[in-house]
Amino acid sequence: MFNLKGIFFYFLAIRIILNKFIKKIYYSSNFYNNSLRTITPIQFYFFPNSFLLSSFINYKNFFFKISKVNLDDFWKNNYSKKENSNLNNFLWLNLIDRKNDGLVIQKIISIWIQQNKKYKNINWESETISKRVIAWMLNADIILNNAEKEFKIHFLQSLIIQINHLKKIVNFENNYLIKMEIVSAIILSGLIFKEYKKNFDFGIKELKKIVEEFFDNEGCPKSRNINDLIQSSKFLILIKECCKDAQEYIPDYIDDVVEKIIENLMSIKTFENKNPLFNGANENKMEDYFNYLSGLGYKSNKKKYSVSQIQILRNKKAIIFFDTGNPPKRKFSSSYQSGPLSFEYLNDGEKIITNCGYGDQISKKIETISRLTSAQSTLCINDTSVVNFEKNLIIKDAFGNSIKTSFKTFDVNKHNDDNYLSISGSHNAYESKFGYIHNRLIKINKKNNDLSGEDSLIKTKNTINQNKFNIRFHLYPEVTAVQTIGGNTILIQTQKNISLIFSTNVEDLMLEKSIFLARNQIINNFCINISGKINNENKIIKWEIKKVVN
């Protein structure tokens, strides 16, 4: 049965889906395609630095010769959707032999232009076309090098047609990252072509709206997704650097948000450059990205102790990331993973305790599993996730797999004394259904980086049913573990052959199999599981991870 809010979203979803359907038909019409044909630019007045695209490429020190590719097979449509998108976005231009492959590139682009004179749904998807436009503009020096006049005209015509399409669709896009990508392409076109200076002014205004809606006052995405922080920084820095190179003014709001973003990125930086896995984040090649930022002169000596409501404790070579945030609003929640008070633990440069990561690139089923509370290193009652996800297929199609319920996190406190760094917090996600508040306290021993914790279930009302709790500690894939013969402790072995002992005051301690999803594939790992019954009373579970002293 729908509530009033559900009914509202249902009919709004129908409207969005119908609009999308009608637009696709309209975009395919001759009338629409003719409307995209405007004045063809004469030339590039500014050639952006292709190095700025390197942050969007996932390959390190990899180059290939496009001249060895069979051109007759290049644009055959026997690719998967992902392969087709990767081919049609042209980001691979940054991986070619730029000295010798210019003529081949011109032939490939000529064939593409001939086959895509009109809107095509697959090749003209928002994310694909915006990347393609950016890739073409940032690689124009090699594309247009020694090119014949006819090719130049066709290339510039196609480029401006695609840009005009982006201008028409930008305000219909609901995904903020894709919207930022579209606006980036529009802004760059205004920098490059004097005839389209208005595109720069338009794009800068639209970008300001996106920044104000998407980021909080600390320069963190309202999705609380670290991946969104990383991806948005790439577009904003691309725009800022191109403005600088083109000797165009850089709006104050761009300088402000970029400065905050850099502070946030530097604050989550770890010894092995592994980003924390919360709320839709997967592992990124942060070392490459930090080198990229350093090469452009971006740095920050300011270390924040909270990023996207993820608290950060640092002691020598130990780091704790601790999620004390509330779930995001519905429109920002499509990648939210339900793990309040979950944490990640790094010691001596190695990640020990982790969350499972986001499985959206593997399958829909795995994505759903990765969002459950049991996939995070925190406490569950009856293996029930702390929020309900949208189940209606129509609403999901329009808004993504957003959340339907919410909860509050409160009483977040940090302490720093002579012996310990500590962090604590509580949440009420299980109060209405099970009658309990969950409180978690985590402490780092300053002398040896040993970790200790205390999970408390505080009864707020009587319940009839007997409930069960599970506290899971997902181990990083490179970490091995065995349960001791007595069963009351677990021996953990790191990749650097450091031995740790996990122990608890609860008898039901098990070492189980788990899966790690943050590398866009299913990787087997271990999970430490403390379980027990809650007999309508307060419950305190203590645990610790200590280094084995030889």
Protein backbone atom coordinates (compact mmCIF):
# COMPACT_ATOMS: atom_id res chain seq x y z
CA MET A 1 0.00 0.00 0.00
CA PHE A 2 1.44 3.38 -1.02
CA ASN A 3 1.54 6.27 1.41
CA LEU A 4 0.98 9.81 0.11
CA LYS A 5 4.71 10.34 -0.40
CA GLY A 6 4.96 7.06 -2.27
CA ILE A 7 2.03 7.99 -4.51
CA PHE A 8 3.67 11.33 -5.29
CA PHE A 9 6.95 9.70 -6.31
CA TYR A 10 5.09 7.05 -8.31
CA PHE A 11 3.28 9.54 -10.52
CA LEU A 12 6.37 11.73 -10.76
CA ALA A 13 8.33 8.68 -11.92
CA ILE A 14 5.72 7.92 -14.59
CA ARG A 15 6.01 11.49 -15.80
CA ILE A 16 9.82 11.29 -15.98
CA ILE A 17 9.73 7.98 -17.88
CA LEU A 18 7.14 9.27 -20.36
CA ASN A 19 9.18 12.42 -20.92
CA LYS A 20 12.28 10.31 -21.60
CA PHE A 21 10.37 8.18 -24.09
CA ILE A 22 8.91 11.19 -25.92
CA LYS A 23 12.29 12.92 -26.01
CA LYS A 24 13.97 9.89 -27.59
CA ILE A 25 11.39 9.93 -30.38
CA TYR A 26 11.78 13.68 -30.80
CA TYR A 27 15.59 13.49 -30.81
CA SER A 28 15.45 11.00 -33.68
CA SER A 29 13.35 13.33 -35.86
CA ASN A 30 14.71 15.35 -38.76
CA PHE A 31 13.27 18.50 -37.22
CA TYR A 32 15.34 18.08 -34.06
CA ASN A 33 18.52 17.14 -35.88
CA ASN A 34 18.18 20.15 -38.19
CA SER A 35 17.75 22.39 -35.13
CA LEU A 36 21.23 21.34 -33.95
CA ARG A 37 22.89 22.72 -37.07
CA THR A 38 24.22 26.17 -36.29
CA ILE A 39 27.23 28.22 -37.40
CA THR A 40 30.28 26.03 -37.89
CA PRO A 41 33.33 27.37 -36.04
CA ILE A 42 36.22 28.48 -38.24
CA GLN A 43 39.00 27.07 -36.10
CA PHE A 44 40.26 26.24 -32.64
CA TYR A 45 41.37 29.45 -30.94
CA PHE A 46 42.77 27.55 -28.00
CA PHE A 47 44.12 24.00 -27.72
CA PRO A 48 43.63 22.55 -24.23
CA ASN A 49 46.29 20.35 -22.67
CA SER A 50 45.48 16.67 -23.33
CA PHE A 51 47.28 15.80 -20.06
CA LEU A 52 44.18 17.04 -18.24
CA LEU A 53 42.31 13.98 -19.51
CA SER A 54 44.75 11.55 -17.92
CA SER A 55 42.78 11.58 -14.66
CA PHE A 56 39.83 10.02 -16.51
CA ILE A 57 41.94 7.14 -17.87
CA ASN A 58 42.27 3.96 -15.81
CA TYR A 59 45.46 2.73 -17.46
CA LYS A 60 48.94 3.65 -16.20
CA ASN A 61 51.82 3.91 -18.67
CA PHE A 62 49.82 2.07 -21.32
CA PHE A 63 49.88 3.06 -24.99
CA PHE A 64 48.84 1.31 -28.15
CA LYS A 65 49.20 1.80 -31.91
CA ILE A 66 45.82 2.47 -33.43
CA SER A 67 47.37 1.91 -36.87
CA LYS A 68 47.44 -1.83 -36.14
CA VAL A 69 43.65 -1.92 -35.75
CA ASN A 70 41.53 -3.19 -38.66
CA LEU A 71 39.44 -0.14 -39.61
CA ASP A 72 36.79 -2.29 -41.32
CA ASP A 73 35.99 -3.91 -37.97
CA PHE A 74 36.43 -0.85 -35.78
CA TRP A 75 32.82 0.35 -35.72
CA LYS A 76 31.04 -2.96 -35.98
CA ASN A 77 28.20 -3.18 -33.49
CA ASN A 78 29.12 -6.51 -31.90
CA TYR A 79 30.21 -4.95 -28.62
CA SER A 80 28.62 -5.07 -25.20
CA LYS A 81 26.93 -1.91 -23.94
CA LYS A 82 29.94 -1.07 -21.76
CA GLU A 83 32.44 -1.78 -24.56
CA ASN A 84 30.40 0.31 -26.98
CA SER A 85 30.29 3.21 -24.53
CA ASN A 86 34.06 3.03 -23.93
CA LEU A 87 34.71 2.98 -27.65
CA ASN A 88 32.32 5.82 -28.46
CA ASN A 89 33.50 8.15 -25.69
CA PHE A 90 36.96 8.42 -27.36
CA LEU A 91 38.84 8.73 -24.08
CA TRP A 92 41.20 6.14 -25.54
CA LEU A 93 42.65 8.92 -27.70
CA ASN A 94 44.95 9.69 -24.77
CA LEU A 95 46.46 6.21 -25.07
CA ILE A 96 47.49 6.29 -28.73
CA ASP A 97 50.86 6.83 -30.35
CA ARG A 98 50.40 10.57 -30.93
CA LYS A 99 53.36 10.88 -33.33
CA ASN A 100 52.38 8.25 -35.85
CA ASP A 101 48.65 7.64 -35.63
CA GLY A 102 47.20 11.01 -36.67
CA LEU A 103 45.98 9.96 -40.13
CA VAL A 104 44.41 6.76 -38.82
CA ILE A 105 42.55 8.75 -36.15
CA GLN A 106 41.15 11.04 -38.84
CA LYS A 107 39.84 8.02 -40.77
CA ILE A 108 38.24 6.55 -37.64
CA ILE A 109 36.54 9.83 -36.77
CA SER A 110 35.43 10.35 -40.37
CA ILE A 111 33.70 6.96 -40.35
CA TRP A 112 32.09 7.75 -37.00
CA ILE A 113 30.79 11.12 -38.25
CA GLN A 114 29.38 9.51 -41.39
CA GLN A 115 27.55 6.86 -39.32
CA ASN A 116 26.31 9.30 -36.66
CA LYS A 117 25.08 12.37 -38.52
CA LYS A 118 21.81 12.05 -36.63
CA TYR A 119 20.98 11.32 -33.02
CA LYS A 120 21.46 7.66 -32.06
CA ASN A 121 20.33 6.59 -28.64
CA ILE A 122 23.31 4.34 -27.81
CA ASN A 123 26.10 6.55 -29.13
CA TRP A 124 24.47 9.76 -27.94
CA GLU A 125 23.80 8.87 -24.31
CA SER A 126 24.55 11.85 -22.06
CA GLU A 127 27.62 10.40 -20.38
CA THR A 128 29.07 9.02 -23.62
CA ILE A 129 28.58 12.15 -25.74
CA SER A 130 29.93 14.54 -23.10
CA LYS A 131 33.09 12.46 -22.68
CA ARG A 132 33.46 12.24 -26.48
CA VAL A 133 33.14 16.00 -26.93
CA ILE A 134 35.71 16.62 -24.19
CA ALA A 135 38.07 13.98 -25.62
CA TRP A 136 37.82 15.47 -29.11
CA MET A 137 38.46 19.00 -27.89
CA LEU A 138 41.42 18.04 -25.69
CA ASN A 139 42.97 15.94 -28.45
CA ALA A 140 42.23 18.37 -31.28
CA ASP A 141 45.91 19.09 -31.83
CA ILE A 142 46.54 15.52 -32.99
CA ILE A 143 43.14 15.09 -34.66
CA LEU A 144 43.53 18.20 -36.82
CA ASN A 145 47.27 17.91 -37.43
CA ASN A 146 47.89 18.00 -41.23
CA ALA A 147 44.18 17.41 -41.79
CA GLU A 148 42.53 18.27 -45.11
CA LYS A 149 40.03 21.14 -45.23
CA GLU A 150 37.04 18.83 -45.83
CA PHE A 151 37.81 16.75 -42.73
CA LYS A 152 38.22 19.89 -40.59
CA ILE A 153 34.81 21.19 -41.69
CA HIS A 154 33.05 17.87 -41.03
CA PHE A 155 34.82 17.49 -37.67
CA LEU A 156 33.90 20.99 -36.48
CA GLN A 157 30.32 20.59 -37.73
CA SER A 158 29.89 17.31 -35.85
CA LEU A 159 31.48 18.73 -32.73
CA ILE A 160 29.19 21.76 -32.57
CA ILE A 161 26.09 19.64 -33.33
CA GLN A 162 26.91 17.39 -30.36
CA ILE A 163 27.57 20.42 -28.14
CA ASN A 164 24.22 21.95 -29.15
CA HIS A 165 22.57 18.67 -28.20
CA LEU A 166 24.22 18.79 -24.78
CA LYS A 167 22.90 22.32 -24.24
CA LYS A 168 19.37 21.16 -24.98
CA ILE A 169 19.45 18.15 -22.63
CA VAL A 170 21.47 19.47 -19.68
CA ASN A 171 18.46 20.56 -17.62
CA PHE A 172 16.71 17.22 -18.14
CA GLU A 173 19.57 15.26 -16.55
CA ASN A 174 18.96 14.16 -12.94
CA ASN A 175 22.38 12.65 -12.23
CA TYR A 176 24.54 15.48 -10.88
CA LEU A 177 27.87 13.96 -11.95
CA ILE A 178 26.68 13.44 -15.52
CA LYS A 179 25.21 16.93 -15.46
CA MET A 180 28.60 18.30 -14.34
CA GLU A 181 30.25 16.41 -17.19
CA ILE A 182 27.81 17.87 -19.72
CA VAL A 183 28.36 21.38 -18.42
CA SER A 184 32.15 20.87 -18.55
CA ALA A 185 31.91 20.08 -22.26
CA ILE A 186 29.74 23.17 -22.87
CA ILE A 187 32.15 25.44 -20.95
CA LEU A 188 35.16 24.11 -22.87
CA SER A 189 33.43 24.78 -26.19
CA GLY A 190 32.95 28.40 -25.11
CA LEU A 191 36.67 28.68 -24.34
CA ILE A 192 37.75 27.09 -27.61
CA PHE A 193 35.42 28.73 -30.12
CA LYS A 194 35.06 32.54 -30.19
CA GLU A 195 31.78 32.13 -32.08
CA TYR A 196 30.35 30.32 -29.05
CA LYS A 197 31.54 32.48 -26.18
CA LYS A 198 27.92 32.38 -24.97
CA ASN A 199 28.43 28.67 -24.20
CA PHE A 200 31.04 29.60 -21.61
CA ASP A 201 28.72 32.07 -19.88
CA PHE A 202 25.82 29.61 -19.99
CA GLY A 203 27.92 26.72 -18.67
CA ILE A 204 29.44 28.74 -15.83
CA LYS A 205 25.95 29.71 -14.61
CA GLU A 206 24.71 26.11 -14.82
CA LEU A 207 27.79 24.83 -13.03
CA LYS A 208 27.20 27.22 -10.15
CA LYS A 209 23.68 25.78 -9.71
CA ILE A 210 25.09 22.24 -9.69
CA VAL A 211 27.80 23.12 -7.14
CA GLU A 212 25.25 24.78 -4.83
CA GLU A 213 22.86 21.80 -5.05
CA PHE A 214 25.38 18.94 -5.01
CA PHE A 215 27.96 19.99 -2.40
CA ASP A 216 27.56 20.84 1.27
CA ASN A 217 29.33 23.78 2.93
CA GLU A 218 32.45 21.65 3.44
CA GLY A 219 32.85 20.82 -0.24
CA CYS A 220 31.56 17.25 0.22
CA PRO A 221 28.94 15.66 -2.07
CA LYS A 222 25.55 15.34 -0.39
CA SER A 223 25.52 11.69 -1.46
CA ARG A 224 28.33 11.15 1.09
CA ASN A 225 29.99 8.99 -1.57
CA ILE A 226 33.80 9.32 -1.72
CA ASN A 227 33.74 8.26 -5.38
CA ASP A 228 31.51 11.25 -6.12
CA LEU A 229 34.05 13.49 -4.39
CA ILE A 230 36.84 12.12 -6.60
CA GLN A 231 34.87 12.24 -9.87
CA SER A 232 33.48 15.74 -9.33
CA SER A 233 36.98 17.03 -8.55
CA LYS A 234 38.17 15.85 -11.97
CA PHE A 235 35.58 17.93 -13.85
CA LEU A 236 36.06 21.02 -11.70
CA ILE A 237 39.85 20.90 -12.01
CA LEU A 238 39.55 20.30 -15.76
CA ILE A 239 37.45 23.46 -16.07
CA LYS A 240 39.69 25.50 -13.81
CA GLU A 241 42.90 24.50 -15.61
CA CYS A 242 41.41 25.12 -19.06
CA CYS A 243 40.19 28.55 -17.95
CA LYS A 244 43.67 29.31 -16.68
CA ASP A 245 45.35 28.15 -19.92
CA ALA A 246 42.86 30.10 -22.04
CA GLN A 247 43.48 33.20 -19.89
CA GLU A 248 39.80 33.34 -19.02
CA TYR A 249 38.51 34.42 -15.61
CA ILE A 250 37.92 31.70 -13.04
CA PRO A 251 34.74 32.30 -11.00
CA ASP A 252 35.26 32.56 -7.25
CA TYR A 253 32.87 29.70 -6.54
CA ILE A 254 35.05 27.32 -8.58
CA ASP A 255 38.20 28.36 -6.70
CA ASP A 256 36.35 27.97 -3.40
CA VAL A 257 34.89 24.50 -4.00
CA VAL A 258 38.12 23.18 -5.57
CA GLU A 259 40.11 24.32 -2.52
CA LYS A 260 37.66 22.53 -0.19
CA ILE A 261 37.68 19.39 -2.34
CA ILE A 262 41.49 19.23 -2.33
CA GLU A 263 41.47 19.54 1.48
CA ASN A 264 38.97 16.68 1.65
CA LEU A 265 40.98 14.48 -0.72
CA MET A 266 44.23 15.08 1.14
CA SER A 267 42.47 14.33 4.43
CA ILE A 268 41.41 10.85 3.32
CA LYS A 269 44.87 10.11 1.88
CA THR A 270 46.38 6.94 3.35
CA PHE A 271 49.87 5.43 3.28
CA GLU A 272 48.92 3.10 0.44
CA ASN A 273 46.52 5.59 -1.18
CA LYS A 274 43.46 3.41 -0.66
CA ASN A 275 40.32 5.47 -0.36
CA PRO A 276 37.74 4.59 2.31
CA LEU A 277 34.81 2.42 1.16
CA PHE A 278 31.57 4.04 2.29
CA ASN A 279 28.26 4.92 0.66
CA GLY A 280 28.89 3.76 -2.89
CA ALA A 281 32.67 4.03 -3.08
CA ASN A 282 34.98 1.55 -4.78
CA GLU A 283 38.76 1.42 -4.85
CA ASN A 284 40.36 4.07 -7.03
CA LYS A 285 43.95 4.39 -8.20
CA MET A 286 44.50 7.23 -5.82
CA GLU A 287 48.28 7.22 -6.14
CA ASP A 288 48.00 8.10 -9.84
CA TYR A 289 45.42 10.76 -9.07
CA PHE A 290 47.45 12.33 -6.27
CA ASN A 291 50.44 12.45 -8.63
CA TYR A 292 48.20 14.10 -11.21
CA LEU A 293 47.09 16.73 -8.69
CA SER A 294 50.66 17.31 -7.55
CA GLY A 295 51.76 17.78 -11.17
CA LEU A 296 49.19 20.56 -11.51
CA GLY A 297 50.30 22.18 -8.25
CA TYR A 298 47.31 21.17 -6.12
CA LYS A 299 48.21 20.45 -2.50
CA SER A 300 46.96 21.11 0.98
CA ASN A 301 48.72 20.88 4.30
CA LYS A 302 45.43 21.11 6.16
CA LYS A 303 44.23 17.79 7.54
CA LYS A 304 40.54 17.58 8.32
CA TYR A 305 39.18 15.16 10.89
CA SER A 306 35.88 14.59 9.15
CA VAL A 307 35.01 14.22 5.44
CA SER A 308 31.39 13.55 4.36
CA GLN A 309 30.59 12.84 8.03
CA ILE A 310 33.22 10.09 8.01
CA GLN A 311 35.35 10.73 11.10
CA ILE A 312 39.12 10.24 10.79
CA LEU A 313 41.46 9.17 13.60
CA ARG A 314 45.20 9.14 12.90
CA ASN A 315 48.02 7.89 15.08
CA LYS A 316 51.44 7.30 13.60
CA LYS A 317 50.72 4.63 10.98
CA ALA A 318 47.22 3.77 12.19
CA ILE A 319 44.07 5.24 10.67
CA ILE A 320 40.40 4.77 11.53
CA PHE A 321 37.60 5.84 9.18
CA PHE A 322 34.32 5.86 11.12
CA ASP A 323 30.93 6.61 9.54
CA THR A 324 28.84 8.82 11.83
CA GLY A 325 26.65 10.36 9.14
CA ASN A 326 22.93 10.32 8.55
CA PRO A 327 21.61 8.80 5.33
CA PRO A 328 21.44 11.31 2.47
CA LYS A 329 18.20 12.75 1.14
CA ARG A 330 16.33 10.58 -1.31
CA LYS A 331 17.60 12.24 -4.49
CA PHE A 332 21.21 11.72 -3.38
CA SER A 333 20.77 8.20 -2.01
CA SER A 334 20.87 5.93 -5.07
CA SER A 335 24.31 4.55 -4.08
CA TYR A 336 23.92 4.74 -0.30
CA GLN A 337 25.20 1.72 1.65
CA SER A 338 23.44 1.19 4.96
CA GLY A 339 26.38 1.10 7.35
CA PRO A 340 25.99 3.58 10.24
CA LEU A 341 28.92 3.36 12.67
CA SER A 342 30.79 1.08 10.27
CA PHE A 343 34.55 1.57 10.21
CA GLU A 344 37.76 0.77 8.37
CA TYR A 345 41.06 0.15 10.15
CA LEU A 346 44.52 0.63 8.67
CA ASN A 347 47.68 -0.30 10.55
CA ASP A 348 51.29 0.09 9.42
CA GLY A 349 50.13 1.15 5.97
CA GLU A 350 47.87 -1.89 5.47
CA LYS A 351 44.11 -2.01 5.49
CA ILE A 352 42.92 -4.64 7.98
CA ILE A 353 39.19 -4.05 8.50
CA THR A 354 37.16 -2.89 5.51
CA ASN A 355 33.66 -2.57 4.13
CA CYS A 356 32.76 -4.75 1.16
CA GLY A 357 32.60 -1.95 -1.43
CA TYR A 358 29.93 -1.14 -3.99
CA GLY A 359 29.00 -3.85 -6.50
CA ASP A 360 27.17 -1.78 -9.11
CA GLN A 361 29.57 -2.74 -11.92
CA ILE A 362 29.16 -6.48 -11.30
CA SER A 363 25.40 -7.07 -11.39
CA LYS A 364 22.14 -5.67 -10.05
CA LYS A 365 21.91 -8.52 -7.53
CA ILE A 366 25.45 -7.90 -6.25
CA GLU A 367 24.78 -4.16 -6.08
CA THR A 368 21.79 -4.85 -3.81
CA ILE A 369 23.86 -7.18 -1.61
CA SER A 370 26.63 -4.60 -1.31
CA ARG A 371 24.18 -2.04 0.07
CA LEU A 372 22.97 -4.22 2.95
CA THR A 373 24.08 -3.46 6.50
CA SER A 374 25.61 -6.94 6.70
CA ALA A 375 28.08 -5.94 3.94
CA GLN A 376 29.51 -3.20 6.19
CA SER A 377 31.73 -3.57 9.26
CA THR A 378 29.08 -2.73 11.83
CA LEU A 379 26.29 -4.25 13.94
CA CYS A 380 23.03 -5.73 12.61
CA ILE A 381 19.91 -6.84 14.44
CA ASN A 382 18.24 -9.88 12.85
CA ASP A 383 20.35 -9.19 9.75
CA THR A 384 17.99 -6.33 8.95
CA SER A 385 19.35 -3.36 7.01
CA VAL A 386 18.97 0.01 8.69
CA VAL A 387 17.06 1.51 5.75
CA ASN A 388 14.53 0.24 3.23
CA PHE A 389 15.39 0.57 -0.44
CA GLU A 390 12.93 1.47 -3.16
CA LYS A 391 11.26 -1.66 -4.59
CA ASN A 392 8.82 -0.19 -7.08
CA LEU A 393 10.30 -0.79 -10.53
CA ILE A 394 8.83 2.36 -12.07
CA ILE A 395 10.20 4.60 -9.31
CA LYS A 396 13.57 2.82 -9.48
CA ASP A 397 13.72 3.37 -13.23
CA ALA A 398 13.19 7.10 -12.74
CA PHE A 399 15.17 7.80 -9.56
CA GLY A 400 17.51 4.85 -9.17
CA ASN A 401 17.54 2.54 -6.16
CA SER A 402 17.02 5.28 -3.59
CA ILE A 403 16.17 4.81 0.08
CA LYS A 404 12.64 5.06 1.49
CA THR A 405 13.38 5.35 5.20
CA SER A 406 15.78 7.29 7.37
CA PHE A 407 17.35 7.43 10.85
CA LYS A 408 19.47 9.72 12.99
CA THR A 409 23.06 9.44 14.15
CA PHE A 410 23.85 11.37 17.31
CA ASP A 411 26.17 11.80 20.32
CA VAL A 412 29.30 11.79 18.16
CA ASN A 413 32.32 12.44 20.37
CA LYS A 414 36.09 12.36 19.99
CA HIS A 415 38.66 12.19 22.78
CA ASN A 416 42.41 12.53 22.81
CA ASP A 417 44.28 11.81 26.04
CA ASP A 418 47.78 10.63 26.92
CA ASN A 419 47.07 6.99 26.08
CA TYR A 420 44.20 6.80 23.60
CA LEU A 421 42.49 8.35 20.62
CA SER A 422 38.80 7.51 20.70
CA ILE A 423 35.60 8.09 18.75
CA SER A 424 32.02 7.19 19.66
CA GLY A 425 28.55 7.63 18.24
CA SER A 426 25.00 6.30 18.32
CA HIS A 427 22.14 5.72 15.89
CA ASN A 428 18.42 4.98 16.27
CA ALA A 429 17.82 2.96 13.08
CA TYR A 430 16.75 -0.11 15.08
CA GLU A 431 14.71 1.69 17.73
CA SER A 432 11.24 1.72 16.17
CA LYS A 433 11.33 -1.92 15.01
CA PHE A 434 13.42 -3.62 17.68
CA GLY A 435 13.52 -1.13 20.57
CA TYR A 436 17.31 -0.60 20.68
CA ILE A 437 19.82 2.22 20.22
CA HIS A 438 23.21 1.15 18.89
CA ASN A 439 26.25 2.87 20.40
CA ARG A 440 29.82 2.19 19.29
CA LEU A 441 33.09 3.25 20.90
CA ILE A 442 36.45 2.68 19.17
CA LYS A 443 39.87 3.43 20.70
CA ILE A 444 43.41 3.43 19.31
CA ASN A 445 46.29 2.84 21.73
CA LYS A 446 48.76 5.62 20.98
CA LYS A 447 51.80 3.52 21.93
CA ASN A 448 51.24 0.39 19.85
CA ASN A 449 48.23 1.17 17.60
CA ASP A 450 46.20 -1.66 19.14
CA LEU A 451 42.49 -1.31 18.55
CA SER A 452 39.71 -1.84 21.05
CA GLY A 453 35.97 -1.38 20.72
CA GLU A 454 32.71 -1.57 22.53
CA ASP A 455 29.31 -2.04 20.89
CA SER A 456 26.34 -1.34 23.14
CA LEU A 457 22.68 -2.11 22.50
CA ILE A 458 20.63 0.14 24.74
CA LYS A 459 17.01 -0.85 25.29
CA THR A 460 14.48 1.98 24.90
CA LYS A 461 11.25 -0.06 24.94
CA ASN A 462 10.14 -3.60 25.66
CA THR A 463 9.83 -6.02 22.77
CA ILE A 464 8.04 -9.35 22.59
CA ASN A 465 10.31 -11.17 20.18
CA GLN A 466 13.77 -12.45 20.99
CA ASN A 467 16.27 -10.78 18.69
CA LYS A 468 19.74 -11.68 17.50
CA PHE A 469 22.70 -9.40 16.83
CA ASN A 470 25.68 -9.84 14.50
CA ILE A 471 28.76 -7.65 14.48
CA ARG A 472 30.82 -8.16 11.34
CA PHE A 473 34.41 -7.20 10.72
CA HIS A 474 35.15 -7.72 7.02
CA LEU A 475 38.86 -8.36 6.45
CA TYR A 476 40.72 -6.86 3.52
CA PRO A 477 41.35 -9.46 0.74
CA GLU A 478 45.14 -9.55 1.24
CA VAL A 479 44.63 -10.35 4.94
CA THR A 480 44.42 -14.01 6.03
CA ALA A 481 42.93 -15.35 9.23
CA VAL A 482 42.45 -18.59 11.21
CA GLN A 483 40.38 -19.33 14.28
CA THR A 484 42.31 -20.72 17.21
CA ILE A 485 41.59 -24.22 18.52
CA GLY A 486 39.81 -22.85 21.57
CA GLY A 487 37.58 -20.78 19.31
CA ASN A 488 37.68 -17.65 21.45
CA THR A 489 40.29 -15.78 19.39
CA ILE A 490 41.15 -15.28 15.71
CA LEU A 491 44.70 -14.93 14.41
CA ILE A 492 45.07 -12.33 11.64
CA GLN A 493 48.07 -12.26 9.29
CA THR A 494 48.74 -9.21 7.14
CA GLN A 495 50.53 -9.07 3.80
CA LYS A 496 53.61 -7.70 5.58
CA ASN A 497 53.53 -10.77 7.87
CA ILE A 498 52.38 -8.81 10.90
CA SER A 499 50.38 -11.00 13.27
CA LEU A 500 47.32 -9.68 15.08
CA ILE A 501 44.92 -11.29 17.56
CA PHE A 502 41.19 -10.56 17.56
CA SER A 503 39.33 -11.35 20.77
CA THR A 504 35.96 -10.62 22.37
CA ASN A 505 34.02 -11.10 25.59
CA VAL A 506 31.27 -12.91 23.66
CA GLU A 507 31.46 -16.68 23.20
CA ASP A 508 29.83 -16.79 19.76
CA LEU A 509 32.83 -15.81 17.66
CA MET A 510 33.14 -17.19 14.13
CA LEU A 511 35.44 -16.75 11.15
CA GLU A 512 33.29 -16.79 8.01
CA LYS A 513 33.66 -16.37 4.27
CA SER A 514 32.80 -13.02 2.77
CA ILE A 515 33.12 -11.22 -0.56
CA PHE A 516 35.00 -8.04 -1.45
CA LEU A 517 33.44 -6.02 -4.29
CA ALA A 518 35.40 -2.76 -4.43
CA ARG A 519 37.50 -3.80 -7.46
CA ASN A 520 34.41 -4.39 -9.64
CA GLN A 521 34.71 -8.14 -9.30
CA ILE A 522 33.86 -10.71 -6.65
CA ILE A 523 36.91 -11.46 -4.50
CA ASN A 524 36.76 -13.97 -1.67
CA ASN A 525 37.82 -12.76 1.75
CA PHE A 526 37.18 -13.46 5.43
CA CYS A 527 34.78 -11.94 7.90
CA ILE A 528 34.93 -12.04 11.70
CA ASN A 529 31.42 -12.41 13.11
CA ILE A 530 30.39 -11.88 16.72
CA SER A 531 26.81 -12.98 17.33
CA GLY A 532 24.41 -13.48 20.20
CA LYS A 533 20.87 -13.10 21.45
CA ILE A 534 19.28 -10.01 22.97
CA ASN A 535 16.88 -10.97 25.70
CA ASN A 536 15.01 -7.70 26.08
CA GLU A 537 17.90 -6.14 27.97
CA ASN A 538 20.93 -3.91 27.49
CA LYS A 539 23.87 -5.62 25.85
CA ILE A 540 27.57 -4.64 25.82
CA ILE A 541 29.97 -6.42 23.45
CA LYS A 542 33.69 -5.74 23.86
CA TRP A 543 36.37 -6.63 21.33
CA GLU A 544 39.99 -5.82 20.53
CA ILE A 545 42.69 -6.28 17.91
CA LYS A 546 46.20 -6.54 19.33
CA LYS A 547 49.57 -7.00 17.73
CA VAL A 548 51.28 -10.29 18.59
CA VAL A 549 54.49 -9.52 20.44
CA ASN A 550 57.24 -12.06 19.77
